[in-house]
Amino acid sequence: MMPDTMQSYLNNCTGSQKKDVLHILSELTERTGFDSALHTVEQAIRYEAHDPDSLRSLYNSIFSDVPQLPPLTTGDLIPELDPMPVHLEDYDRFLKRGGGLNA
């Protein structure tokens, strides 16, 4: 009785994930109807997201009132910087002197 899309999605979930996913799908169906839960599953298939947290996150991003913003382009506003040098020798000396927990 379940649509092919949802069956395919559940077949790609592990045994422990299926239980959680079915629980989440039940919640989503109660909130906004079965079609919205099915739409969320279709999006999850596109993103290859099979874990329950991703399913809930996709639902929230699709059906919340948060506006979708375009990607931010910085152009040449942010200068290219050289990475800062890392010198861990000072920390090694400090820990060997007794500054650490295992002193």
N, C-alpha and C. Protein backbone atom coordinates (compact mmCIF):
# COMPACT_ATOMS: atom_id res chain seq x y z
N MET A 1 0.81 -1.20 0.00
CA MET A 1 0.00 0.00 0.00
C MET A 1 0.85 1.26 0.00
N MET A 2 2.12 1.15 0.34
CA MET A 2 3.01 2.30 0.40
C MET A 2 3.51 2.64 -1.00
N PRO A 3 3.60 3.91 -1.35
CA PRO A 3 4.10 4.30 -2.67
C PRO A 3 5.51 3.75 -2.93
N ASP A 4 5.82 3.53 -4.21
CA ASP A 4 7.12 2.97 -4.59
C ASP A 4 8.27 3.83 -4.09
N THR A 5 8.11 5.14 -4.14
CA THR A 5 9.17 6.05 -3.68
C THR A 5 9.52 5.79 -2.23
N MET A 6 8.49 5.66 -1.41
CA MET A 6 8.72 5.46 0.02
C MET A 6 9.28 4.06 0.28
N GLN A 7 8.82 3.06 -0.45
CA GLN A 7 9.35 1.70 -0.30
C GLN A 7 10.83 1.67 -0.66
N SER A 8 11.18 2.35 -1.75
CA SER A 8 12.58 2.41 -2.17
C SER A 8 13.44 3.08 -1.11
N TYR A 9 12.93 4.16 -0.54
CA TYR A 9 13.66 4.88 0.49
C TYR A 9 13.88 3.99 1.70
N LEU A 10 12.85 3.32 2.15
CA LEU A 10 12.96 2.46 3.33
C LEU A 10 13.87 1.26 3.08
N ASN A 11 13.89 0.76 1.85
CA ASN A 11 14.76 -0.37 1.53
C ASN A 11 16.24 0.01 1.62
N ASN A 12 16.55 1.29 1.47
CA ASN A 12 17.94 1.75 1.56
C ASN A 12 18.35 2.14 2.98
N CYS A 13 17.42 2.03 3.92
CA CYS A 13 17.73 2.33 5.32
C CYS A 13 18.14 1.05 6.03
N THR A 14 18.97 1.20 7.06
CA THR A 14 19.33 0.04 7.87
C THR A 14 18.13 -0.30 8.77
N GLY A 15 18.21 -1.45 9.40
CA GLY A 15 17.12 -1.90 10.25
C GLY A 15 16.78 -0.92 11.35
N SER A 16 17.79 -0.39 12.03
CA SER A 16 17.53 0.56 13.12
C SER A 16 17.02 1.90 12.58
N GLN A 17 17.47 2.28 11.38
CA GLN A 17 17.01 3.54 10.79
C GLN A 17 15.54 3.44 10.38
N LYS A 18 15.11 2.27 9.90
CA LYS A 18 13.73 2.12 9.43
C LYS A 18 12.73 2.46 10.53
N LYS A 19 12.99 1.98 11.72
CA LYS A 19 12.09 2.25 12.84
C LYS A 19 11.98 3.74 13.08
N ASP A 20 13.12 4.42 13.15
CA ASP A 20 13.12 5.87 13.40
C ASP A 20 12.49 6.63 12.24
N VAL A 21 12.79 6.22 11.02
CA VAL A 21 12.25 6.90 9.84
C VAL A 21 10.73 6.75 9.81
N LEU A 22 10.22 5.56 10.08
CA LEU A 22 8.77 5.36 10.09
C LEU A 22 8.11 6.21 11.17
N HIS A 23 8.76 6.34 12.30
CA HIS A 23 8.23 7.19 13.37
C HIS A 23 8.18 8.65 12.92
N ILE A 24 9.25 9.11 12.28
CA ILE A 24 9.29 10.49 11.79
C ILE A 24 8.25 10.71 10.70
N LEU A 25 8.11 9.75 9.78
CA LEU A 25 7.12 9.87 8.71
C LEU A 25 5.71 9.95 9.30
N SER A 26 5.47 9.22 10.37
CA SER A 26 4.17 9.29 11.04
C SER A 26 3.94 10.68 11.60
N GLU A 27 4.97 11.25 12.24
CA GLU A 27 4.86 12.62 12.78
C GLU A 27 4.59 13.62 11.68
N LEU A 28 5.33 13.50 10.57
CA LEU A 28 5.18 14.45 9.47
C LEU A 28 3.79 14.35 8.85
N THR A 29 3.28 13.14 8.73
CA THR A 29 1.95 12.93 8.17
C THR A 29 0.89 13.56 9.07
N GLU A 30 1.05 13.43 10.38
CA GLU A 30 0.11 14.05 11.30
C GLU A 30 0.16 15.57 11.21
N ARG A 31 1.35 16.13 11.02
CA ARG A 31 1.49 17.60 10.97
C ARG A 31 0.84 18.20 9.73
N THR A 32 1.27 17.71 8.56
CA THR A 32 0.87 18.39 7.32
C THR A 32 0.33 17.45 6.25
N GLY A 33 0.11 16.18 6.58
CA GLY A 33 -0.48 15.26 5.62
C GLY A 33 0.55 14.35 4.97
N PHE A 34 0.03 13.28 4.38
CA PHE A 34 0.89 12.25 3.79
C PHE A 34 1.67 12.78 2.58
N ASP A 35 1.06 13.66 1.80
CA ASP A 35 1.74 14.19 0.61
C ASP A 35 3.01 14.95 0.99
N SER A 36 2.98 15.68 2.08
CA SER A 36 4.18 16.42 2.50
C SER A 36 5.26 15.45 2.96
N ALA A 37 4.87 14.38 3.65
CA ALA A 37 5.85 13.37 4.06
C ALA A 37 6.46 12.70 2.84
N LEU A 38 5.64 12.40 1.84
CA LEU A 38 6.13 11.79 0.61
C LEU A 38 7.06 12.73 -0.13
N HIS A 39 6.73 14.02 -0.17
CA HIS A 39 7.59 15.01 -0.82
C HIS A 39 8.95 15.09 -0.11
N THR A 40 8.92 15.01 1.20
CA THR A 40 10.17 15.02 1.98
C THR A 40 11.02 13.81 1.64
N VAL A 41 10.39 12.65 1.51
CA VAL A 41 11.12 11.43 1.15
C VAL A 41 11.73 11.56 -0.25
N GLU A 42 11.00 12.15 -1.17
CA GLU A 42 11.53 12.35 -2.53
C GLU A 42 12.77 13.24 -2.49
N GLN A 43 12.74 14.27 -1.67
CA GLN A 43 13.92 15.13 -1.53
C GLN A 43 15.07 14.37 -0.88
N ALA A 44 14.76 13.56 0.10
CA ALA A 44 15.80 12.77 0.78
C ALA A 44 16.47 11.81 -0.20
N ILE A 45 15.71 11.25 -1.10
CA ILE A 45 16.28 10.35 -2.12
C ILE A 45 17.23 11.13 -3.02
N ARG A 46 16.83 12.34 -3.42
CA ARG A 46 17.70 13.16 -4.26
C ARG A 46 19.03 13.46 -3.58
N TYR A 47 18.99 13.69 -2.27
CA TYR A 47 20.20 14.02 -1.51
C TYR A 47 20.91 12.79 -0.96
N GLU A 48 20.34 11.61 -1.22
CA GLU A 48 20.88 10.34 -0.71
C GLU A 48 21.02 10.40 0.81
N ALA A 49 20.02 10.97 1.46
CA ALA A 49 20.00 11.10 2.92
C ALA A 49 19.09 10.03 3.49
N HIS A 50 19.65 9.11 4.26
CA HIS A 50 18.85 7.99 4.77
C HIS A 50 18.71 7.99 6.28
N ASP A 51 19.32 8.95 6.94
CA ASP A 51 19.22 8.95 8.40
C ASP A 51 18.03 9.79 8.84
N PRO A 52 17.46 9.47 9.98
CA PRO A 52 16.27 10.18 10.47
C PRO A 52 16.48 11.69 10.67
N ASP A 53 17.65 12.08 11.13
CA ASP A 53 17.91 13.52 11.36
C ASP A 53 17.87 14.30 10.06
N SER A 54 18.42 13.72 9.00
CA SER A 54 18.39 14.40 7.70
C SER A 54 16.97 14.52 7.18
N LEU A 55 16.17 13.49 7.41
CA LEU A 55 14.78 13.52 6.97
C LEU A 55 14.02 14.65 7.67
N ARG A 56 14.20 14.76 8.97
CA ARG A 56 13.54 15.82 9.73
C ARG A 56 14.04 17.19 9.28
N SER A 57 15.34 17.31 9.05
CA SER A 57 15.91 18.58 8.62
C SER A 57 15.38 18.99 7.24
N LEU A 58 15.28 18.02 6.34
CA LEU A 58 14.73 18.32 5.01
C LEU A 58 13.28 18.79 5.11
N TYR A 59 12.51 18.11 5.93
CA TYR A 59 11.12 18.51 6.12
C TYR A 59 11.05 19.96 6.62
N ASN A 60 11.86 20.28 7.61
CA ASN A 60 11.85 21.64 8.17
C ASN A 60 12.27 22.67 7.13
N SER A 61 13.24 22.34 6.30
CA SER A 61 13.67 23.31 5.29
C SER A 61 12.64 23.49 4.18
N ILE A 62 11.86 22.45 3.90
CA ILE A 62 10.85 22.53 2.84
C ILE A 62 9.59 23.24 3.33
N PHE A 63 9.14 22.90 4.52
CA PHE A 63 7.83 23.34 4.98
C PHE A 63 7.86 24.43 6.06
N SER A 64 9.00 25.00 6.33
CA SER A 64 9.03 26.09 7.30
C SER A 64 8.90 27.42 6.56
N ASP A 65 8.68 28.47 7.30
CA ASP A 65 8.51 29.80 6.71
C ASP A 65 9.82 30.56 6.60
N VAL A 66 10.92 29.86 6.63
CA VAL A 66 12.22 30.50 6.52
C VAL A 66 12.50 30.76 5.04
N PRO A 67 12.75 31.99 4.66
CA PRO A 67 12.99 32.29 3.25
C PRO A 67 14.31 31.67 2.77
N GLN A 68 14.30 31.22 1.54
CA GLN A 68 15.52 30.69 0.93
C GLN A 68 16.34 31.87 0.40
N LEU A 69 17.53 32.00 0.89
CA LEU A 69 18.40 33.11 0.49
C LEU A 69 19.34 32.66 -0.63
N PRO A 70 19.65 33.56 -1.55
CA PRO A 70 20.60 33.19 -2.59
C PRO A 70 22.00 33.06 -2.01
N PRO A 71 22.86 32.32 -2.69
CA PRO A 71 24.24 32.19 -2.18
C PRO A 71 24.93 33.55 -2.11
N LEU A 72 25.75 33.71 -1.11
CA LEU A 72 26.48 34.96 -0.90
C LEU A 72 27.78 34.92 -1.69
N THR A 73 27.99 35.93 -2.49
CA THR A 73 29.24 36.02 -3.24
C THR A 73 30.06 37.16 -2.64
N THR A 74 31.32 36.87 -2.41
CA THR A 74 32.17 37.88 -1.78
C THR A 74 33.06 38.59 -2.79
N GLY A 75 33.24 38.00 -3.94
CA GLY A 75 34.09 38.63 -4.94
C GLY A 75 35.49 38.83 -4.41
N ASP A 76 36.02 40.04 -4.56
CA ASP A 76 37.37 40.36 -4.11
C ASP A 76 37.36 41.07 -2.75
N LEU A 77 36.26 40.99 -2.02
CA LEU A 77 36.17 41.72 -0.75
C LEU A 77 37.01 41.08 0.35
N ILE A 78 37.24 39.79 0.29
CA ILE A 78 38.00 39.11 1.33
C ILE A 78 39.39 38.79 0.77
N PRO A 79 40.43 39.35 1.38
CA PRO A 79 41.78 39.12 0.86
C PRO A 79 42.25 37.69 1.14
N GLU A 80 43.10 37.20 0.31
CA GLU A 80 43.72 35.88 0.49
C GLU A 80 44.83 36.02 1.52
N LEU A 81 44.78 35.22 2.57
CA LEU A 81 45.77 35.31 3.64
C LEU A 81 46.60 34.04 3.71
N ASP A 82 47.85 34.21 4.08
CA ASP A 82 48.70 33.05 4.31
C ASP A 82 48.29 32.42 5.64
N PRO A 83 48.33 31.10 5.74
CA PRO A 83 47.98 30.48 7.02
C PRO A 83 48.99 30.86 8.09
N MET A 84 48.50 30.95 9.32
CA MET A 84 49.38 31.30 10.44
C MET A 84 50.27 30.10 10.76
N PRO A 85 51.54 30.37 11.05
CA PRO A 85 52.44 29.26 11.41
C PRO A 85 52.05 28.70 12.78
N VAL A 86 52.20 27.41 12.93
CA VAL A 86 51.88 26.75 14.19
C VAL A 86 53.17 26.23 14.80
N HIS A 87 53.45 26.63 16.03
CA HIS A 87 54.65 26.19 16.74
C HIS A 87 54.20 25.53 18.05
N LEU A 88 54.17 24.24 18.08
CA LEU A 88 53.70 23.52 19.25
C LEU A 88 54.82 23.23 20.26
N GLU A 89 56.05 23.61 19.93
CA GLU A 89 57.17 23.34 20.83
C GLU A 89 56.98 24.03 22.18
N ASP A 90 56.43 25.25 22.17
CA ASP A 90 56.20 25.97 23.42
C ASP A 90 55.23 25.20 24.33
N TYR A 91 54.21 24.63 23.75
CA TYR A 91 53.25 23.85 24.53
C TYR A 91 53.91 22.58 25.07
N ASP A 92 54.75 21.94 24.24
CA ASP A 92 55.46 20.74 24.69
C ASP A 92 56.33 21.05 25.90
N ARG A 93 57.07 22.17 25.84
CA ARG A 93 57.93 22.55 26.97
C ARG A 93 57.10 22.83 28.22
N PHE A 94 55.99 23.51 28.06
CA PHE A 94 55.13 23.82 29.18
C PHE A 94 54.59 22.55 29.84
N LEU A 95 54.15 21.60 29.05
CA LEU A 95 53.62 20.36 29.61
C LEU A 95 54.71 19.52 30.27
N LYS A 96 55.91 19.54 29.71
CA LYS A 96 57.00 18.76 30.31
C LYS A 96 57.45 19.37 31.64
N ARG A 97 57.30 20.70 31.81
CA ARG A 97 57.67 21.37 33.06
C ARG A 97 56.69 21.09 34.18
N GLY A 98 55.56 20.55 33.87
CA GLY A 98 54.60 20.25 34.94
C GLY A 98 53.31 21.03 34.81
N GLY A 99 53.08 21.61 33.69
CA GLY A 99 51.86 22.35 33.52
C GLY A 99 50.67 21.49 33.12
N GLY A 100 50.93 20.22 32.85
CA GLY A 100 49.85 19.34 32.41
C GLY A 100 49.28 18.53 33.54
N LEU A 101 48.29 17.72 33.24
CA LEU A 101 47.64 16.89 34.24
C LEU A 101 48.52 15.73 34.67
N ASN A 102 49.39 15.26 33.77
CA ASN A 102 50.22 14.09 34.07
C ASN A 102 51.62 14.46 34.54
N ALA A 103 51.75 15.59 35.14
CA ALA A 103 53.09 16.06 35.56
C ALA A 103 53.57 15.33 36.78
